[in-house]
């Protein structure tokens, strides 16, 4: 864990020192393609794991329930924040 955080901070320092380099404008595209590749490899790993594949219906049901609860909670909190902080006194 500390290794990952240390590498991230080294990257921040390198990015700060190299911020005026023209070659760095292509890093966003490179990062996107790298993330796509990692997601594809993760999919291969999950698909080849028999335990995960056989328990997908149970995992999927729990994931849907958690997603719906998180979305509903976010909507309710946003409504409360809007009502008490952004709504003007005379509006209904």
PDB file of N, CA and C in Angstrom:
ATOM      1  N   UNK A   1       0.818  -1.194   0.000  1.00  0.00           N
ATOM      2  CA  UNK A   1       0.000   0.000   0.000  1.00  0.00           C
ATOM      3  C   UNK A   1       0.861   1.256   0.000  1.00  0.00           C
ATOM      4  N   UNK A   2       1.876   1.260   0.853  1.00  0.00           N
ATOM      5  CA  UNK A   2       2.755   2.429   0.893  1.00  0.00           C
ATOM      6  C   UNK A   2       3.544   2.566  -0.400  1.00  0.00           C
ATOM      7  N   UNK A   3       3.827   1.438  -1.038  1.00  0.00           N
ATOM      8  CA  UNK A   3       4.536   1.478  -2.319  1.00  0.00           C
ATOM      9  C   UNK A   3       3.680   2.189  -3.368  1.00  0.00           C
ATOM     10  N   UNK A   4       2.393   1.863  -3.414  1.00  0.00           N
ATOM     11  CA  UNK A   4       1.497   2.484  -4.384  1.00  0.00           C
ATOM     12  C   UNK A   4       1.386   3.983  -4.126  1.00  0.00           C
ATOM     13  N   UNK A   5       1.227   4.372  -2.877  1.00  0.00           N
ATOM     14  CA  UNK A   5       1.120   5.790  -2.541  1.00  0.00           C
ATOM     15  C   UNK A   5       2.430   6.515  -2.852  1.00  0.00           C
ATOM     16  N   UNK A   6       3.560   5.879  -2.550  1.00  0.00           N
ATOM     17  CA  UNK A   6       4.857   6.477  -2.858  1.00  0.00           C
ATOM     18  C   UNK A   6       5.054   6.687  -4.351  1.00  0.00           C
ATOM     19  N   UNK A   7       4.663   5.686  -5.154  1.00  0.00           N
ATOM     20  CA  UNK A   7       4.782   5.823  -6.606  1.00  0.00           C
ATOM     21  C   UNK A   7       3.876   6.939  -7.106  1.00  0.00           C
ATOM     22  N   UNK A   8       2.677   7.054  -6.529  1.00  0.00           N
ATOM     23  CA  UNK A   8       1.773   8.120  -6.938  1.00  0.00           C
ATOM     24  C   UNK A   8       2.379   9.499  -6.639  1.00  0.00           C
ATOM     25  N   UNK A   9       2.982   9.652  -5.469  1.00  0.00           N
ATOM     26  CA  UNK A   9       3.592  10.938  -5.132  1.00  0.00           C
ATOM     27  C   UNK A   9       4.800  11.229  -6.013  1.00  0.00           C
ATOM     28  N   UNK A  10       5.568  10.198  -6.354  1.00  0.00           N
ATOM     29  CA  UNK A  10       6.674  10.396  -7.304  1.00  0.00           C
ATOM     30  C   UNK A  10       6.140  10.862  -8.653  1.00  0.00           C
ATOM     31  N   UNK A  11       5.015  10.293  -9.082  1.00  0.00           N
ATOM     32  CA  UNK A  11       4.387  10.722 -10.331  1.00  0.00           C
ATOM     33  C   UNK A  11       3.905  12.164 -10.264  1.00  0.00           C
ATOM     34  N   UNK A  12       3.374  12.553  -9.122  1.00  0.00           N
ATOM     35  CA  UNK A  12       2.930  13.947  -8.954  1.00  0.00           C
ATOM     36  C   UNK A  12       4.116  14.898  -9.065  1.00  0.00           C
ATOM     37  N   UNK A  13       5.205  14.541  -8.419  1.00  0.00           N
ATOM     38  CA  UNK A  13       6.405  15.384  -8.466  1.00  0.00           C
ATOM     39  C   UNK A  13       6.949  15.446  -9.895  1.00  0.00           C
ATOM     40  N   UNK A  14       7.007  14.286 -10.571  1.00  0.00           N
ATOM     41  CA  UNK A  14       7.496  14.268 -11.957  1.00  0.00           C
ATOM     42  C   UNK A  14       6.583  15.081 -12.858  1.00  0.00           C
ATOM     43  N   UNK A  15       5.278  14.959 -12.678  1.00  0.00           N
ATOM     44  CA  UNK A  15       4.331  15.740 -13.471  1.00  0.00           C
ATOM     45  C   UNK A  15       4.483  17.228 -13.239  1.00  0.00           C
ATOM     46  N   UNK A  16       4.740  17.606 -12.006  1.00  0.00           N
ATOM     47  CA  UNK A  16       4.932  19.019 -11.698  1.00  0.00           C
ATOM     48  C   UNK A  16       6.200  19.551 -12.363  1.00  0.00           C
ATOM     49  N   UNK A  17       7.274  18.769 -12.292  1.00  0.00           N
ATOM     50  CA  UNK A  17       8.540  19.208 -12.880  1.00  0.00           C
ATOM     51  C   UNK A  17       8.498  19.214 -14.406  1.00  0.00           C
ATOM     52  N   UNK A  18       7.691  18.342 -14.999  1.00  0.00           N
ATOM     53  CA  UNK A  18       7.635  18.225 -16.464  1.00  0.00           C
ATOM     54  C   UNK A  18       6.370  18.838 -17.054  1.00  0.00           C
ATOM     55  N   UNK A  19       5.692  19.680 -16.318  1.00  0.00           N
ATOM     56  CA  UNK A  19       4.387  20.190 -16.742  1.00  0.00           C
ATOM     57  C   UNK A  19       4.417  21.010 -18.021  1.00  0.00           C
ATOM     58  N   UNK A  20       5.561  21.565 -18.421  1.00  0.00           N
ATOM     59  CA  UNK A  20       5.633  22.390 -19.626  1.00  0.00           C
ATOM     60  C   UNK A  20       6.094  21.608 -20.849  1.00  0.00           C
ATOM     61  N   UNK A  21       6.272  20.304 -20.724  1.00  0.00           N
ATOM     62  CA  UNK A  21       6.719  19.483 -21.842  1.00  0.00           C
ATOM     63  C   UNK A  21       5.541  19.178 -22.772  1.00  0.00           C
ATOM     64  N   UNK A  22       5.763  19.337 -24.083  1.00  0.00           N
ATOM     65  CA  UNK A  22       4.688  19.107 -25.052  1.00  0.00           C
ATOM     66  C   UNK A  22       4.320  17.629 -25.164  1.00  0.00           C
ATOM     67  N   UNK A  23       5.245  16.735 -24.878  1.00  0.00           N
ATOM     68  CA  UNK A  23       4.977  15.307 -25.014  1.00  0.00           C
ATOM     69  C   UNK A  23       3.940  14.811 -24.002  1.00  0.00           C
ATOM     70  N   UNK A  24       3.768  15.531 -22.929  1.00  0.00           N
ATOM     71  CA  UNK A  24       2.843  15.090 -21.882  1.00  0.00           C
ATOM     72  C   UNK A  24       1.382  15.242 -22.273  1.00  0.00           C
ATOM     73  N   UNK A  25       1.095  15.913 -23.363  1.00  0.00           N
ATOM     74  CA  UNK A  25      -0.308  16.074 -23.738  1.00  0.00           C
ATOM     75  C   UNK A  25      -0.922  14.767 -24.232  1.00  0.00           C
ATOM     76  N   UNK A  26      -0.097  13.779 -24.540  1.00  0.00           N
ATOM     77  CA  UNK A  26      -0.598  12.484 -25.010  1.00  0.00           C
ATOM     78  C   UNK A  26      -0.785  11.479 -23.871  1.00  0.00           C
ATOM     79  N   UNK A  27      -0.458  11.863 -22.660  1.00  0.00           N
ATOM     80  CA  UNK A  27      -0.559  10.914 -21.546  1.00  0.00           C
ATOM     81  C   UNK A  27      -2.005  10.535 -21.244  1.00  0.00           C
ATOM     82  N   UNK A  28      -2.941  11.433 -21.450  1.00  0.00           N
ATOM     83  CA  UNK A  28      -4.348  11.126 -21.186  1.00  0.00           C
ATOM     84  C   UNK A  28      -4.839   9.974 -22.049  1.00  0.00           C
ATOM     85  N   UNK A  29      -4.498   9.999 -23.325  1.00  0.00           N
ATOM     86  CA  UNK A  29      -4.900   8.930 -24.236  1.00  0.00           C
ATOM     87  C   UNK A  29      -4.212   7.617 -23.837  1.00  0.00           C
ATOM     88  N   UNK A  30      -2.934   7.701 -23.497  1.00  0.00           N
ATOM     89  CA  UNK A  30      -2.196   6.516 -23.084  1.00  0.00           C
ATOM     90  C   UNK A  30      -2.803   5.903 -21.826  1.00  0.00           C
ATOM     91  N   UNK A  31      -3.177   6.747 -20.879  1.00  0.00           N
ATOM     92  CA  UNK A  31      -3.787   6.268 -19.632  1.00  0.00           C
ATOM     93  C   UNK A  31      -5.128   5.596 -19.922  1.00  0.00           C
ATOM     94  N   UNK A  32      -5.930   6.186 -20.811  1.00  0.00           N
ATOM     95  CA  UNK A  32      -7.220   5.584 -21.156  1.00  0.00           C
ATOM     96  C   UNK A  32      -7.037   4.191 -21.755  1.00  0.00           C
ATOM     97  N   UNK A  33      -6.118   4.052 -22.700  1.00  0.00           N
ATOM     98  CA  UNK A  33      -5.887   2.746 -23.320  1.00  0.00           C
ATOM     99  C   UNK A  33      -5.342   1.739 -22.304  1.00  0.00           C
ATOM    100  N   UNK A  34      -4.510   2.203 -21.394  1.00  0.00           N
ATOM    101  CA  UNK A  34      -3.985   1.309 -20.365  1.00  0.00           C
ATOM    102  C   UNK A  34      -5.096   0.830 -19.444  1.00  0.00           C
ATOM    103  N   UNK A  35      -6.017   1.711 -19.076  1.00  0.00           N
ATOM    104  CA  UNK A  35      -7.149   1.326 -18.232  1.00  0.00           C
ATOM    105  C   UNK A  35      -8.046   0.335 -18.961  1.00  0.00           C
ATOM    106  N   UNK A  36      -8.283   0.557 -20.266  1.00  0.00           N
ATOM    107  CA  UNK A  36      -9.084  -0.388 -21.046  1.00  0.00           C
ATOM    108  C   UNK A  36      -8.441  -1.765 -21.050  1.00  0.00           C
ATOM    109  N   UNK A  37      -7.128  -1.811 -21.231  1.00  0.00           N
ATOM    110  CA  UNK A  37      -6.408  -3.078 -21.236  1.00  0.00           C
ATOM    111  C   UNK A  37      -6.514  -3.768 -19.873  1.00  0.00           C
ATOM    112  N   UNK A  38      -6.345  -3.009 -18.799  1.00  0.00           N
ATOM    113  CA  UNK A  38      -6.445  -3.589 -17.462  1.00  0.00           C
ATOM    114  C   UNK A  38      -7.853  -4.120 -17.181  1.00  0.00           C
ATOM    115  N   UNK A  39      -8.881  -3.405 -17.624  1.00  0.00           N
ATOM    116  CA  UNK A  39     -10.251  -3.880 -17.438  1.00  0.00           C
ATOM    117  C   UNK A  39     -10.503  -5.151 -18.232  1.00  0.00           C
ATOM    118  N   UNK A  40      -9.956  -5.222 -19.453  1.00  0.00           N
ATOM    119  CA  UNK A  40     -10.088  -6.431 -20.265  1.00  0.00           C
ATOM    120  C   UNK A  40      -9.411  -7.611 -19.581  1.00  0.00           C
ATOM    121  N   UNK A  41      -8.217  -7.391 -19.073  1.00  0.00           N
ATOM    122  CA  UNK A  41      -7.506  -8.472 -18.377  1.00  0.00           C
ATOM    123  C   UNK A  41      -8.230  -8.880 -17.101  1.00  0.00           C
ATOM    124  N   UNK A  42      -8.830  -7.919 -16.399  1.00  0.00           N
ATOM    125  CA  UNK A  42      -9.627  -8.252 -15.217  1.00  0.00           C
ATOM    126  C   UNK A  42     -10.826  -9.110 -15.607  1.00  0.00           C
ATOM    127  N   UNK A  43     -11.464  -8.772 -16.726  1.00  0.00           N
ATOM    128  CA  UNK A  43     -12.578  -9.568 -17.222  1.00  0.00           C
ATOM    129  C   UNK A  43     -12.157 -10.991 -17.542  1.00  0.00           C
ATOM    130  N   UNK A  44     -10.999 -11.159 -18.156  1.00  0.00           N
ATOM    131  CA  UNK A  44     -10.489 -12.500 -18.441  1.00  0.00           C
ATOM    132  C   UNK A  44     -10.268 -13.274 -17.145  1.00  0.00           C
ATOM    133  N   UNK A  45      -9.697 -12.607 -16.152  1.00  0.00           N
ATOM    134  CA  UNK A  45      -9.436 -13.261 -14.872  1.00  0.00           C
ATOM    135  C   UNK A  45     -10.736 -13.679 -14.188  1.00  0.00           C
ATOM    136  N   UNK A  46     -11.724 -12.793 -14.188  1.00  0.00           N
ATOM    137  CA  UNK A  46     -13.011 -13.112 -13.562  1.00  0.00           C
ATOM    138  C   UNK A  46     -13.708 -14.229 -14.336  1.00  0.00           C
ATOM    139  N   UNK A  47     -13.686 -14.150 -15.663  1.00  0.00           N
ATOM    140  CA  UNK A  47     -14.342 -15.165 -16.475  1.00  0.00           C
ATOM    141  C   UNK A  47     -13.719 -16.542 -16.351  1.00  0.00           C
ATOM    142  N   UNK A  48     -12.450 -16.610 -16.043  1.00  0.00           N
ATOM    143  CA  UNK A  48     -11.791 -17.912 -15.924  1.00  0.00           C
ATOM    144  C   UNK A  48     -11.876 -18.490 -14.509  1.00  0.00           C
ATOM    145  N   UNK A  49     -12.399 -17.725 -13.566  1.00  0.00           N
ATOM    146  CA  UNK A  49     -12.537 -18.196 -12.188  1.00  0.00           C
ATOM    147  C   UNK A  49     -13.916 -18.844 -12.027  1.00  0.00           C
ATOM    148  N   UNK A  50     -13.928 -20.163 -11.858  1.00  0.00           N
ATOM    149  CA  UNK A  50     -15.183 -20.917 -11.791  1.00  0.00           C
ATOM    150  C   UNK A  50     -16.034 -20.513 -10.582  1.00  0.00           C
ATOM    151  N   UNK A  51     -15.405 -20.222  -9.462  1.00  0.00           N
ATOM    152  CA  UNK A  51     -16.142 -19.851  -8.246  1.00  0.00           C
ATOM    153  C   UNK A  51     -16.905 -18.546  -8.457  1.00  0.00           C
ATOM    154  N   UNK A  52     -16.256 -17.570  -9.069  1.00  0.00           N
ATOM    155  CA  UNK A  52     -16.914 -16.277  -9.298  1.00  0.00           C
ATOM    156  C   UNK A  52     -18.048 -16.427 -10.305  1.00  0.00           C
ATOM    157  N   UNK A  53     -17.816 -17.164 -11.378  1.00  0.00           N
ATOM    158  CA  UNK A  53     -18.832 -17.309 -12.418  1.00  0.00           C
ATOM    159  C   UNK A  53     -20.071 -18.019 -11.879  1.00  0.00           C
ATOM    160  N   UNK A  54     -19.889 -19.042 -11.058  1.00  0.00           N
ATOM    161  CA  UNK A  54     -21.052 -19.760 -10.527  1.00  0.00           C
ATOM    162  C   UNK A  54     -21.818 -18.942  -9.483  1.00  0.00           C
ATOM    163  N   UNK A  55     -21.161 -17.993  -8.831  1.00  0.00           N
ATOM    164  CA  UNK A  55     -21.857 -17.180  -7.823  1.00  0.00           C
ATOM    165  C   UNK A  55     -22.271 -15.812  -8.357  1.00  0.00           C
ATOM    166  N   UNK A  56     -22.191 -15.594  -9.672  1.00  0.00           N
ATOM    167  CA  UNK A  56     -22.579 -14.299 -10.246  1.00  0.00           C
ATOM    168  C   UNK A  56     -24.031 -13.905  -9.976  1.00  0.00           C
ATOM    169  N   UNK A  57     -25.006 -14.824 -10.045  1.00  0.00           N
ATOM    170  CA  UNK A  57     -26.382 -14.390  -9.742  1.00  0.00           C
ATOM    171  C   UNK A  57     -26.522 -13.809  -8.339  1.00  0.00           C
ATOM    172  N   UNK A  58     -25.879 -14.412  -7.357  1.00  0.00           N
ATOM    173  CA  UNK A  58     -25.947 -13.899  -5.987  1.00  0.00           C
ATOM    174  C   UNK A  58     -25.206 -12.573  -5.864  1.00  0.00           C
ATOM    175  N   UNK A  59     -24.013 -12.508  -6.453  1.00  0.00           N
ATOM    176  CA  UNK A  59     -23.218 -11.273  -6.402  1.00  0.00           C
ATOM    177  C   UNK A  59     -23.932 -10.144  -7.143  1.00  0.00           C
ATOM    178  N   UNK A  60     -24.519 -10.466  -8.309  1.00  0.00           N
ATOM    179  CA  UNK A  60     -25.221  -9.455  -9.106  1.00  0.00           C
ATOM    180  C   UNK A  60     -26.425  -8.884  -8.388  1.00  0.00           C
ATOM    181  N   UNK A  61     -27.176  -9.762  -7.703  1.00  0.00           N
ATOM    182  CA  UNK A  61     -28.344  -9.283  -6.954  1.00  0.00           C
ATOM    183  C   UNK A  61     -27.954  -8.332  -5.835  1.00  0.00           C
ATOM    184  N   UNK A  62     -26.909  -8.678  -5.127  1.00  0.00           N
ATOM    185  CA  UNK A  62     -26.433  -7.795  -4.057  1.00  0.00           C
ATOM    186  C   UNK A  62     -25.907  -6.483  -4.630  1.00  0.00           C
ATOM    187  N   UNK A  63     -25.221  -6.550  -5.766  1.00  0.00           N
ATOM    188  CA  UNK A  63     -24.675  -5.339  -6.389  1.00  0.00           C
ATOM    189  C   UNK A  63     -25.794  -4.393  -6.830  1.00  0.00           C
ATOM    190  N   UNK A  64     -26.862  -4.960  -7.391  1.00  0.00           N
ATOM    191  CA  UNK A  64     -28.000  -4.122  -7.802  1.00  0.00           C
ATOM    192  C   UNK A  64     -28.645  -3.466  -6.586  1.00  0.00           C
ATOM    193  N   UNK A  65     -28.818  -4.224  -5.526  1.00  0.00           N
ATOM    194  CA  UNK A  65     -29.421  -3.675  -4.304  1.00  0.00           C
ATOM    195  C   UNK A  65     -28.560  -2.553  -3.721  1.00  0.00           C
ATOM    196  N   UNK A  66     -27.258  -2.756  -3.663  1.00  0.00           N
ATOM    197  CA  UNK A  66     -26.351  -1.732  -3.133  1.00  0.00           C
ATOM    198  C   UNK A  66     -26.370  -0.496  -4.028  1.00  0.00           C
ATOM    199  N   UNK A  67     -26.369  -0.688  -5.346  1.00  0.00           N
ATOM    200  CA  UNK A  67     -26.393   0.442  -6.284  1.00  0.00           C
ATOM    201  C   UNK A  67     -27.669   1.264  -6.134  1.00  0.00           C
ATOM    202  N   UNK A  68     -28.808   0.576  -6.045  1.00  0.00           N
ATOM    203  CA  UNK A  68     -30.076   1.292  -5.876  1.00  0.00           C
ATOM    204  C   UNK A  68     -30.126   2.049  -4.553  1.00  0.00           C
ATOM    205  N   UNK A  69     -29.643   1.425  -3.485  1.00  0.00           N
ATOM    206  CA  UNK A  69     -29.644   2.097  -2.183  1.00  0.00           C
ATOM    207  C   UNK A  69     -28.721   3.318  -2.197  1.00  0.00           C
ATOM    208  N   UNK A  70     -27.555   3.194  -2.826  1.00  0.00           N
ATOM    209  CA  UNK A  70     -26.627   4.324  -2.897  1.00  0.00           C
ATOM    210  C   UNK A  70     -27.209   5.457  -3.730  1.00  0.00           C
ATOM    211  N   UNK A  71     -27.853   5.124  -4.842  1.00  0.00           N
ATOM    212  CA  UNK A  71     -28.460   6.152  -5.688  1.00  0.00           C
ATOM    213  C   UNK A  71     -29.595   6.850  -4.960  1.00  0.00           C
ATOM    214  N   UNK A  72     -30.450   6.091  -4.308  1.00  0.00           N
ATOM    215  CA  UNK A  72     -31.562   6.677  -3.561  1.00  0.00           C
ATOM    216  C   UNK A  72     -31.046   7.567  -2.431  1.00  0.00           C
ATOM    217  N   UNK A  73     -30.032   7.114  -1.720  1.00  0.00           N
ATOM    218  CA  UNK A  73     -29.444   7.933  -0.658  1.00  0.00           C
ATOM    219  C   UNK A  73     -28.854   9.230  -1.189  1.00  0.00           C
ATOM    220  N   UNK A  74     -28.192   9.169  -2.335  1.00  0.00           N
ATOM    221  CA  UNK A  74     -27.617  10.380  -2.933  1.00  0.00           C
ATOM    222  C   UNK A  74     -28.706  11.363  -3.345  1.00  0.00           C
ATOM    223  N   UNK A  75     -29.778  10.854  -3.932  1.00  0.00           N
ATOM    224  CA  UNK A  75     -30.888  11.730  -4.349  1.00  0.00           C
ATOM    225  C   UNK A  75     -31.528  12.387  -3.133  1.00  0.00           C
ATOM    226  N   UNK A  76     -31.737  11.632  -2.081  1.00  0.00           N
ATOM    227  CA  UNK A  76     -32.353  12.197  -0.874  1.00  0.00           C
ATOM    228  C   UNK A  76     -31.440  13.256  -0.254  1.00  0.00           C
ATOM    229  N   UNK A  77     -30.146  12.972  -0.163  1.00  0.00           N
ATOM    230  CA  UNK A  77     -29.209  13.965   0.398  1.00  0.00           C
ATOM    231  C   UNK A  77     -29.134  15.215  -0.470  1.00  0.00           C
ATOM    232  N   UNK A  78     -29.135  15.059  -1.785  1.00  0.00           N
ATOM    233  CA  UNK A  78     -29.101  16.219  -2.685  1.00  0.00           C
ATOM    234  C   UNK A  78     -30.357  17.055  -2.519  1.00  0.00           C
ATOM    235  N   UNK A  79     -31.498  16.401  -2.366  1.00  0.00           N
ATOM    236  CA  UNK A  79     -32.742  17.131  -2.171  1.00  0.00           C
ATOM    237  C   UNK A  79     -32.705  17.926  -0.860  1.00  0.00           C
ATOM    238  N   UNK A  80     -32.197  17.298   0.210  1.00  0.00           N
ATOM    239  CA  UNK A  80     -32.104  17.983   1.504  1.00  0.00           C
ATOM    240  C   UNK A  80     -31.169  19.181   1.409  1.00  0.00           C
ATOM    241  N   UNK A  81     -30.014  19.004   0.782  1.00  0.00           N
ATOM    242  CA  UNK A  81     -29.054  20.109   0.631  1.00  0.00           C
ATOM    243  C   UNK A  81     -29.674  21.228  -0.190  1.00  0.00           C
ATOM    244  N   UNK A  82     -30.360  20.897  -1.276  1.00  0.00           N
ATOM    245  CA  UNK A  82     -31.001  21.922  -2.105  1.00  0.00           C
ATOM    246  C   UNK A  82     -32.057  22.671  -1.310  1.00  0.00           C
ATOM    247  N   UNK A  83     -32.861  21.911  -0.592  1.00  0.00           N
ATOM    248  CA  UNK A  83     -33.967  22.530   0.140  1.00  0.00           C
ATOM    249  C   UNK A  83     -33.489  23.484   1.226  1.00  0.00           C
ATOM    250  N   UNK A  84     -32.434  23.127   1.948  1.00  0.00           N
ATOM    251  CA  UNK A  84     -32.011  23.949   3.078  1.00  0.00           C
ATOM    252  C   UNK A  84     -30.932  24.966   2.749  1.00  0.00           C
ATOM    253  N   UNK A  85     -30.216  24.793   1.650  1.00  0.00           N
ATOM    254  CA  UNK A  85     -29.114  25.714   1.364  1.00  0.00           C
ATOM    255  C   UNK A  85     -29.302  26.541   0.112  1.00  0.00           C
ATOM    256  N   UNK A  86     -30.078  26.072  -0.848  1.00  0.00           N
ATOM    257  CA  UNK A  86     -30.163  26.781  -2.125  1.00  0.00           C
ATOM    258  C   UNK A  86     -31.548  27.310  -2.459  1.00  0.00           C
ATOM    259  N   UNK A  87     -32.548  26.875  -1.774  1.00  0.00           N
ATOM    260  CA  UNK A  87     -33.882  27.326  -2.051  1.00  0.00           C
ATOM    261  C   UNK A  87     -34.122  28.670  -1.358  1.00  0.00           C
ATOM    262  N   UNK A  88     -34.668  29.604  -2.113  1.00  0.00           N
ATOM    263  CA  UNK A  88     -34.947  30.924  -1.530  1.00  0.00           C
ATOM    264  C   UNK A  88     -36.202  30.864  -0.672  1.00  0.00           C
ATOM    265  N   UNK A  89     -36.316  31.783   0.259  1.00  0.00           N
ATOM    266  CA  UNK A  89     -37.371  31.765   1.256  1.00  0.00           C
ATOM    267  C   UNK A  89     -38.789  31.669   0.724  1.00  0.00           C
ATOM    268  N   UNK A  90     -39.150  32.375  -0.354  1.00  0.00           N
ATOM    269  CA  UNK A  90     -40.521  32.420  -0.827  1.00  0.00           C
ATOM    270  C   UNK A  90     -40.904  31.297  -1.776  1.00  0.00           C
ATOM    271  N   UNK A  91     -39.988  30.496  -2.231  1.00  0.00           N
ATOM    272  CA  UNK A  91     -40.300  29.443  -3.215  1.00  0.00           C
ATOM    273  C   UNK A  91     -40.866  28.218  -2.525  1.00  0.00           C
ATOM    274  N   UNK A  92     -41.721  27.471  -3.261  1.00  0.00           N
ATOM    275  CA  UNK A  92     -42.240  26.217  -2.720  1.00  0.00           C
ATOM    276  C   UNK A  92     -41.764  25.062  -3.530  1.00  0.00           C
TER     277      UNK A  92
END
